[in-house]
């Protein structure tokens, strides 16, 4: 009797470990975003002393966001570098960018204090809506022109 119980416990333990690995593997695979081949729209920062910023939207509803702060002269600051990929959905002239587990605060970068309400809207920790009908939007206080 004890042999049967141990055998059943062992089978359940081994099978549950295998399913966990499979679930983790498919979760990691879904995080990988493959950018499209042709860019359909982009915003790039103008020359400034604050940061270099770009958002590139691709035909397969993916995007790439790049941000690099410019340390101020006379300081020991290191530049902050952010490079994230994600997917987007369209709703008229608005695009909702979905960052997959971003390593930064969207509300800190897409700060409404330095932009107008018609530029973008931060929805939550992973989603921000940008108005692509605008010729320029302000991200982190830096003007980014439509290319």
N, C-alpha and C. Protein backbone atom coordinates (compact mmCIF):
# COMPACT_ATOMS: atom_id res chain seq x y z
N UNK A 1 0.82 -1.19 0.00
CA UNK A 1 0.00 0.00 0.00
C UNK A 1 0.86 1.26 0.00
N UNK A 2 1.89 1.30 0.89
CA UNK A 2 2.76 2.46 0.94
C UNK A 2 3.53 2.64 -0.37
N UNK A 3 3.89 1.54 -0.99
CA UNK A 3 4.60 1.63 -2.27
C UNK A 3 3.73 2.32 -3.31
N UNK A 4 2.44 1.99 -3.32
CA UNK A 4 1.52 2.61 -4.29
C UNK A 4 1.37 4.11 -4.03
N UNK A 5 1.26 4.50 -2.77
CA UNK A 5 1.12 5.93 -2.42
C UNK A 5 2.38 6.69 -2.80
N UNK A 6 3.54 6.14 -2.51
CA UNK A 6 4.81 6.79 -2.86
C UNK A 6 4.95 6.90 -4.37
N UNK A 7 4.58 5.83 -5.07
CA UNK A 7 4.65 5.83 -6.53
C UNK A 7 3.73 6.90 -7.12
N UNK A 8 2.51 7.03 -6.60
CA UNK A 8 1.56 8.04 -7.09
C UNK A 8 2.08 9.44 -6.79
N UNK A 9 2.62 9.65 -5.58
CA UNK A 9 3.17 10.96 -5.21
C UNK A 9 4.35 11.32 -6.11
N UNK A 10 5.19 10.34 -6.41
CA UNK A 10 6.34 10.57 -7.28
C UNK A 10 5.89 10.94 -8.69
N UNK A 11 4.91 10.23 -9.22
CA UNK A 11 4.39 10.51 -10.57
C UNK A 11 3.79 11.92 -10.62
N UNK A 12 2.99 12.29 -9.60
CA UNK A 12 2.38 13.62 -9.56
C UNK A 12 3.46 14.69 -9.46
N UNK A 13 4.47 14.46 -8.63
CA UNK A 13 5.56 15.44 -8.47
C UNK A 13 6.32 15.66 -9.76
N UNK A 14 6.67 14.58 -10.44
CA UNK A 14 7.43 14.69 -11.69
C UNK A 14 6.58 15.37 -12.78
N UNK A 15 5.32 14.98 -12.89
CA UNK A 15 4.48 15.56 -13.95
C UNK A 15 4.20 17.04 -13.70
N UNK A 16 4.08 17.46 -12.44
CA UNK A 16 3.82 18.87 -12.17
C UNK A 16 5.06 19.71 -12.45
N UNK A 17 6.25 19.17 -12.23
CA UNK A 17 7.47 19.91 -12.55
C UNK A 17 7.58 20.12 -14.06
N UNK A 18 7.24 19.15 -14.84
CA UNK A 18 7.30 19.28 -16.30
C UNK A 18 6.34 20.32 -16.81
N UNK A 19 5.14 20.40 -16.27
CA UNK A 19 4.16 21.37 -16.74
C UNK A 19 4.56 22.79 -16.34
N UNK A 20 5.24 22.93 -15.20
CA UNK A 20 5.70 24.24 -14.77
C UNK A 20 6.73 24.79 -15.75
N UNK A 21 7.67 23.94 -16.14
CA UNK A 21 8.69 24.35 -17.10
C UNK A 21 8.06 24.76 -18.42
N UNK A 22 7.08 24.01 -18.88
CA UNK A 22 6.41 24.33 -20.13
C UNK A 22 5.70 25.67 -20.02
N UNK A 23 5.02 25.90 -18.90
CA UNK A 23 4.31 27.17 -18.71
C UNK A 23 5.29 28.33 -18.67
N UNK A 24 6.43 28.15 -18.00
CA UNK A 24 7.41 29.22 -17.93
C UNK A 24 8.03 29.47 -19.29
N UNK A 25 8.27 28.44 -20.04
CA UNK A 25 8.87 28.59 -21.36
C UNK A 25 7.94 29.36 -22.28
N UNK A 26 6.66 29.02 -22.32
CA UNK A 26 5.74 29.73 -23.21
C UNK A 26 5.55 31.16 -22.76
N UNK A 27 5.64 31.43 -21.45
CA UNK A 27 5.53 32.80 -20.95
C UNK A 27 6.71 33.63 -21.43
N UNK A 28 7.93 33.08 -21.37
CA UNK A 28 9.11 33.80 -21.85
C UNK A 28 9.07 34.01 -23.35
N UNK A 29 8.58 33.04 -24.09
CA UNK A 29 8.50 33.18 -25.53
C UNK A 29 7.53 34.29 -25.92
N UNK A 30 6.44 34.44 -25.19
CA UNK A 30 5.47 35.47 -25.53
C UNK A 30 6.00 36.87 -25.24
N UNK A 31 7.01 36.97 -24.35
CA UNK A 31 7.61 38.28 -24.05
C UNK A 31 8.46 38.78 -25.21
N UNK A 32 9.01 37.89 -26.00
CA UNK A 32 9.88 38.28 -27.10
C UNK A 32 9.06 38.91 -28.22
N UNK A 33 9.38 40.15 -28.54
CA UNK A 33 8.67 40.89 -29.59
C UNK A 33 9.59 40.97 -30.80
N UNK A 34 9.11 40.50 -31.94
CA UNK A 34 9.87 40.56 -33.18
C UNK A 34 9.39 41.77 -33.96
N UNK A 35 10.27 42.75 -34.12
CA UNK A 35 9.91 43.98 -34.82
C UNK A 35 9.65 43.72 -36.29
N UNK A 36 8.79 44.54 -36.87
CA UNK A 36 8.47 44.43 -38.29
C UNK A 36 9.64 44.85 -39.16
N UNK A 37 9.50 44.68 -40.44
CA UNK A 37 10.57 45.02 -41.37
C UNK A 37 10.50 46.47 -41.83
N UNK A 38 9.27 47.03 -41.92
CA UNK A 38 9.18 48.41 -42.39
C UNK A 38 8.50 49.30 -41.36
N UNK A 39 9.14 50.43 -41.14
CA UNK A 39 8.65 51.42 -40.19
C UNK A 39 7.50 52.19 -40.83
N UNK A 40 6.41 52.38 -40.08
CA UNK A 40 5.27 53.12 -40.62
C UNK A 40 5.18 54.52 -40.04
N UNK A 41 5.78 54.73 -38.87
CA UNK A 41 5.72 56.03 -38.22
C UNK A 41 6.79 56.08 -37.14
N UNK A 42 7.37 57.26 -36.96
CA UNK A 42 8.32 57.40 -35.86
C UNK A 42 8.31 58.83 -35.34
N UNK A 43 8.70 58.95 -34.09
CA UNK A 43 8.91 60.24 -33.45
C UNK A 43 10.35 60.24 -32.94
N UNK A 44 11.07 61.33 -33.21
CA UNK A 44 12.45 61.44 -32.77
C UNK A 44 12.67 62.81 -32.15
N UNK A 45 13.48 62.83 -31.08
CA UNK A 45 13.73 64.08 -30.37
C UNK A 45 14.58 65.02 -31.21
N UNK A 46 14.33 66.30 -31.01
CA UNK A 46 15.15 67.34 -31.62
C UNK A 46 16.41 67.49 -30.78
N UNK A 47 17.41 68.17 -31.30
CA UNK A 47 18.64 68.39 -30.54
C UNK A 47 18.33 69.13 -29.24
N UNK A 48 18.85 68.62 -28.15
CA UNK A 48 18.63 69.23 -26.84
C UNK A 48 19.71 68.75 -25.89
N UNK A 49 19.77 69.29 -24.69
CA UNK A 49 20.77 68.89 -23.71
C UNK A 49 20.21 67.99 -22.64
N UNK A 50 19.03 67.39 -22.88
CA UNK A 50 18.36 66.60 -21.85
C UNK A 50 18.38 65.10 -22.16
N UNK A 51 17.89 64.73 -23.36
CA UNK A 51 17.79 63.30 -23.70
C UNK A 51 17.62 63.10 -25.20
N UNK A 52 17.99 61.91 -25.64
CA UNK A 52 17.71 61.46 -27.00
C UNK A 52 16.59 60.43 -26.88
N UNK A 53 15.48 60.69 -27.59
CA UNK A 53 14.30 59.83 -27.47
C UNK A 53 13.79 59.48 -28.86
N UNK A 54 13.36 58.23 -29.04
CA UNK A 54 12.70 57.85 -30.29
C UNK A 54 11.67 56.76 -30.04
N UNK A 55 10.60 56.82 -30.83
CA UNK A 55 9.58 55.77 -30.86
C UNK A 55 9.41 55.41 -32.32
N UNK A 56 9.56 54.13 -32.65
CA UNK A 56 9.40 53.66 -34.02
C UNK A 56 8.28 52.63 -34.06
N UNK A 57 7.26 52.88 -34.88
CA UNK A 57 6.14 51.96 -35.05
C UNK A 57 6.33 51.20 -36.36
N UNK A 58 6.07 49.88 -36.33
CA UNK A 58 6.26 49.03 -37.49
C UNK A 58 4.93 48.48 -38.00
N UNK A 59 4.95 47.98 -39.22
CA UNK A 59 3.72 47.53 -39.91
C UNK A 59 3.06 46.34 -39.23
N UNK A 60 3.79 45.56 -38.46
CA UNK A 60 3.21 44.38 -37.81
C UNK A 60 2.72 44.68 -36.39
N UNK A 61 2.39 45.95 -36.14
CA UNK A 61 1.87 46.41 -34.83
C UNK A 61 2.85 46.20 -33.69
N UNK A 62 4.14 46.38 -33.97
CA UNK A 62 5.17 46.36 -32.94
C UNK A 62 5.83 47.74 -32.90
N UNK A 63 6.53 48.02 -31.82
CA UNK A 63 7.23 49.29 -31.72
C UNK A 63 8.53 49.11 -30.93
N UNK A 64 9.40 50.10 -31.09
CA UNK A 64 10.63 50.15 -30.31
C UNK A 64 10.73 51.54 -29.72
N UNK A 65 11.03 51.60 -28.42
CA UNK A 65 11.18 52.86 -27.70
C UNK A 65 12.61 52.95 -27.21
N UNK A 66 13.32 54.03 -27.55
CA UNK A 66 14.68 54.25 -27.09
C UNK A 66 14.76 55.57 -26.35
N UNK A 67 15.48 55.56 -25.24
CA UNK A 67 15.64 56.74 -24.41
C UNK A 67 17.06 56.74 -23.86
N UNK A 68 17.75 57.87 -23.96
CA UNK A 68 19.08 58.00 -23.36
C UNK A 68 19.20 59.41 -22.82
N UNK A 69 19.34 59.50 -21.49
CA UNK A 69 19.49 60.82 -20.89
C UNK A 69 20.89 61.35 -21.17
N UNK A 70 21.03 62.66 -21.14
CA UNK A 70 22.32 63.31 -21.34
C UNK A 70 22.73 63.91 -20.00
N UNK A 71 23.77 63.36 -19.36
CA UNK A 71 24.20 63.88 -18.06
C UNK A 71 24.60 65.36 -18.18
N UNK A 72 24.30 66.10 -17.14
CA UNK A 72 24.62 67.51 -17.13
C UNK A 72 26.12 67.71 -16.91
N UNK A 73 26.71 68.72 -17.55
CA UNK A 73 28.15 68.97 -17.37
C UNK A 73 28.49 69.24 -15.90
N UNK A 74 29.65 68.79 -15.49
CA UNK A 74 30.11 69.02 -14.13
C UNK A 74 29.52 68.06 -13.10
N UNK A 75 28.83 67.02 -13.56
CA UNK A 75 28.28 66.03 -12.63
C UNK A 75 28.87 64.67 -12.93
N UNK A 76 28.73 63.77 -11.99
CA UNK A 76 29.21 62.40 -12.18
C UNK A 76 28.09 61.47 -12.61
N UNK A 77 26.99 62.04 -13.09
CA UNK A 77 25.84 61.23 -13.49
C UNK A 77 26.19 60.33 -14.65
N UNK A 78 25.63 59.14 -14.63
CA UNK A 78 25.74 58.22 -15.76
C UNK A 78 24.46 58.36 -16.58
N UNK A 79 24.55 58.23 -17.90
CA UNK A 79 23.33 58.33 -18.70
C UNK A 79 22.37 57.17 -18.41
N UNK A 80 21.09 57.48 -18.36
CA UNK A 80 20.06 56.46 -18.20
C UNK A 80 19.71 55.99 -19.60
N UNK A 81 19.80 54.68 -19.83
CA UNK A 81 19.49 54.11 -21.14
C UNK A 81 18.31 53.16 -21.01
N UNK A 82 17.32 53.36 -21.87
CA UNK A 82 16.15 52.49 -21.91
C UNK A 82 15.92 52.09 -23.35
N UNK A 83 15.77 50.81 -23.60
CA UNK A 83 15.43 50.31 -24.92
C UNK A 83 14.39 49.21 -24.72
N UNK A 84 13.18 49.48 -25.15
CA UNK A 84 12.07 48.54 -24.94
C UNK A 84 11.34 48.29 -26.26
N UNK A 85 10.87 47.06 -26.40
CA UNK A 85 10.02 46.71 -27.54
C UNK A 85 8.65 46.33 -27.00
N UNK A 86 7.64 46.46 -27.85
CA UNK A 86 6.30 46.08 -27.44
C UNK A 86 5.38 46.02 -28.64
N UNK A 87 4.10 45.93 -28.34
CA UNK A 87 3.09 45.88 -29.40
C UNK A 87 2.17 47.09 -29.23
N UNK A 88 1.44 47.41 -30.30
CA UNK A 88 0.49 48.51 -30.21
C UNK A 88 -0.79 48.17 -30.93
N UNK A 89 -1.85 48.86 -30.51
CA UNK A 89 -3.14 48.76 -31.17
C UNK A 89 -3.53 50.16 -31.63
N UNK A 90 -4.38 50.23 -32.64
CA UNK A 90 -4.81 51.50 -33.21
C UNK A 90 -6.27 51.76 -32.88
N UNK A 91 -6.56 53.04 -32.63
CA UNK A 91 -7.93 53.50 -32.42
C UNK A 91 -8.00 54.90 -33.02
N UNK A 92 -8.31 54.97 -34.31
CA UNK A 92 -8.29 56.25 -35.01
C UNK A 92 -6.86 56.74 -35.10
N UNK A 93 -6.61 57.98 -34.68
CA UNK A 93 -5.26 58.54 -34.72
C UNK A 93 -4.47 58.22 -33.45
N UNK A 94 -5.07 57.53 -32.51
CA UNK A 94 -4.39 57.15 -31.27
C UNK A 94 -3.80 55.75 -31.38
N UNK A 95 -2.61 55.55 -30.85
CA UNK A 95 -1.96 54.24 -30.78
C UNK A 95 -1.70 53.93 -29.31
N UNK A 96 -2.15 52.76 -28.88
CA UNK A 96 -1.90 52.33 -27.50
C UNK A 96 -0.68 51.43 -27.51
N UNK A 97 0.41 51.91 -26.91
CA UNK A 97 1.66 51.16 -26.83
C UNK A 97 1.62 50.28 -25.60
N UNK A 98 1.86 48.98 -25.79
CA UNK A 98 1.88 48.03 -24.69
C UNK A 98 3.32 47.60 -24.45
N UNK A 99 3.88 48.09 -23.35
CA UNK A 99 5.23 47.71 -22.93
C UNK A 99 5.09 46.45 -22.10
N UNK A 100 5.83 45.40 -22.43
CA UNK A 100 5.77 44.14 -21.69
C UNK A 100 6.71 44.22 -20.49
N UNK A 101 6.17 44.37 -19.29
CA UNK A 101 6.96 44.47 -18.06
C UNK A 101 8.11 45.49 -18.19
N UNK A 102 7.79 46.77 -18.38
CA UNK A 102 8.86 47.77 -18.55
C UNK A 102 9.72 47.88 -17.29
N UNK A 103 10.98 48.20 -17.49
CA UNK A 103 11.92 48.34 -16.38
C UNK A 103 11.98 49.79 -15.92
N UNK A 104 10.96 50.57 -16.22
CA UNK A 104 10.90 51.98 -15.85
C UNK A 104 9.44 52.36 -15.66
N UNK A 105 9.21 53.51 -15.08
CA UNK A 105 7.85 54.00 -14.86
C UNK A 105 7.38 54.79 -16.07
N UNK A 106 6.31 54.32 -16.70
CA UNK A 106 5.77 55.05 -17.86
C UNK A 106 5.34 56.45 -17.46
N UNK A 107 4.76 56.60 -16.28
CA UNK A 107 4.30 57.91 -15.82
C UNK A 107 5.47 58.88 -15.62
N UNK A 108 6.67 58.37 -15.32
CA UNK A 108 7.83 59.23 -15.14
C UNK A 108 8.37 59.72 -16.49
N UNK A 109 8.37 58.86 -17.49
CA UNK A 109 8.86 59.25 -18.82
C UNK A 109 7.79 60.02 -19.59
N UNK A 110 6.58 59.49 -19.59
CA UNK A 110 5.46 60.15 -20.26
C UNK A 110 4.76 61.03 -19.20
N UNK A 111 5.45 62.09 -18.81
CA UNK A 111 5.00 62.97 -17.73
C UNK A 111 4.09 64.06 -18.29
N UNK A 112 2.84 64.05 -17.87
CA UNK A 112 1.86 65.02 -18.39
C UNK A 112 2.16 66.44 -17.93
N UNK A 113 3.02 66.60 -16.94
CA UNK A 113 3.41 67.93 -16.50
C UNK A 113 4.15 68.68 -17.61
N UNK A 114 4.84 67.94 -18.47
CA UNK A 114 5.64 68.55 -19.54
C UNK A 114 5.01 68.38 -20.92
N UNK A 115 3.74 68.03 -20.97
CA UNK A 115 3.07 67.82 -22.26
C UNK A 115 1.61 68.26 -22.14
N UNK A 116 0.93 68.29 -23.28
CA UNK A 116 -0.49 68.60 -23.25
C UNK A 116 -1.28 67.29 -23.19
N UNK A 117 -2.50 67.38 -22.75
CA UNK A 117 -3.35 66.18 -22.63
C UNK A 117 -3.61 65.54 -23.99
N UNK A 118 -3.46 66.31 -25.05
CA UNK A 118 -3.71 65.76 -26.38
C UNK A 118 -2.49 65.03 -26.96
N UNK A 119 -1.34 65.04 -26.26
CA UNK A 119 -0.13 64.33 -26.73
C UNK A 119 -0.23 62.84 -26.44
N UNK A 120 -0.52 62.50 -25.20
CA UNK A 120 -0.58 61.10 -24.77
C UNK A 120 -1.35 60.98 -23.48
N UNK A 121 -1.70 59.72 -23.15
CA UNK A 121 -2.37 59.39 -21.89
C UNK A 121 -1.76 58.12 -21.35
N UNK A 122 -1.27 58.17 -20.12
CA UNK A 122 -0.76 56.96 -19.47
C UNK A 122 -1.96 56.21 -18.91
N UNK A 123 -2.15 54.98 -19.37
CA UNK A 123 -3.29 54.17 -18.96
C UNK A 123 -3.00 53.40 -17.67
N UNK A 124 -1.85 52.72 -17.64
CA UNK A 124 -1.43 51.97 -16.46
C UNK A 124 0.08 51.75 -16.53
N UNK A 125 0.61 50.81 -15.75
CA UNK A 125 2.06 50.58 -15.68
C UNK A 125 2.66 50.04 -16.98
N UNK A 126 1.82 49.50 -17.88
CA UNK A 126 2.34 48.89 -19.11
C UNK A 126 1.81 49.53 -20.39
N UNK A 127 0.85 50.45 -20.30
CA UNK A 127 0.21 50.98 -21.51
C UNK A 127 0.15 52.51 -21.50
N UNK A 128 0.48 53.07 -22.65
CA UNK A 128 0.36 54.51 -22.85
C UNK A 128 -0.23 54.73 -24.24
N UNK A 129 -1.14 55.69 -24.34
CA UNK A 129 -1.78 56.03 -25.62
C UNK A 129 -1.15 57.30 -26.16
N UNK A 130 -0.68 57.27 -27.41
CA UNK A 130 -0.11 58.48 -28.01
C UNK A 130 -0.96 58.91 -29.19
N UNK A 131 -1.04 60.22 -29.39
CA UNK A 131 -1.83 60.80 -30.47
C UNK A 131 -0.93 60.98 -31.68
N UNK A 132 -1.06 60.11 -32.66
CA UNK A 132 -0.17 60.15 -33.83
C UNK A 132 -0.61 61.16 -34.87
N UNK A 133 -1.69 61.91 -34.61
CA UNK A 133 -2.07 62.97 -35.54
C UNK A 133 -1.24 64.23 -35.27
N UNK A 134 -0.54 64.27 -34.14
CA UNK A 134 0.27 65.43 -33.78
C UNK A 134 1.59 65.39 -34.54
N UNK A 135 2.05 66.57 -34.97
CA UNK A 135 3.34 66.66 -35.66
C UNK A 135 4.51 66.56 -34.69
N UNK A 136 4.24 66.85 -33.41
CA UNK A 136 5.26 66.73 -32.37
C UNK A 136 4.58 66.44 -31.04
N UNK A 137 5.25 65.62 -30.23
CA UNK A 137 4.77 65.35 -28.87
C UNK A 137 5.94 65.57 -27.92
N UNK A 138 5.63 65.88 -26.68
CA UNK A 138 6.66 66.14 -25.68
C UNK A 138 6.75 64.95 -24.73
N UNK A 139 7.91 64.29 -24.74
CA UNK A 139 8.16 63.14 -23.87
C UNK A 139 9.30 63.52 -22.93
N UNK A 140 9.05 63.45 -21.63
CA UNK A 140 10.01 63.81 -20.60
C UNK A 140 10.49 65.25 -20.77
N UNK A 141 9.59 66.07 -21.30
CA UNK A 141 9.91 67.48 -21.51
C UNK A 141 10.71 67.75 -22.77
N UNK A 142 10.91 66.73 -23.58
CA UNK A 142 11.71 66.85 -24.82
C UNK A 142 10.77 66.76 -26.01
N UNK A 143 10.86 67.72 -26.92
CA UNK A 143 10.01 67.72 -28.11
C UNK A 143 10.50 66.64 -29.06
N UNK A 144 9.56 65.77 -29.48
CA UNK A 144 9.86 64.70 -30.42
C UNK A 144 8.99 64.93 -31.65
N UNK A 145 9.65 65.10 -32.80
CA UNK A 145 8.92 65.37 -34.05
C UNK A 145 8.59 64.09 -34.79
N UNK A 146 7.42 64.14 -35.45
CA UNK A 146 7.01 63.03 -36.31
C UNK A 146 7.92 63.01 -37.52
N UNK A 147 8.39 61.83 -37.88
CA UNK A 147 9.30 61.68 -39.03
C UNK A 147 8.56 61.23 -40.28
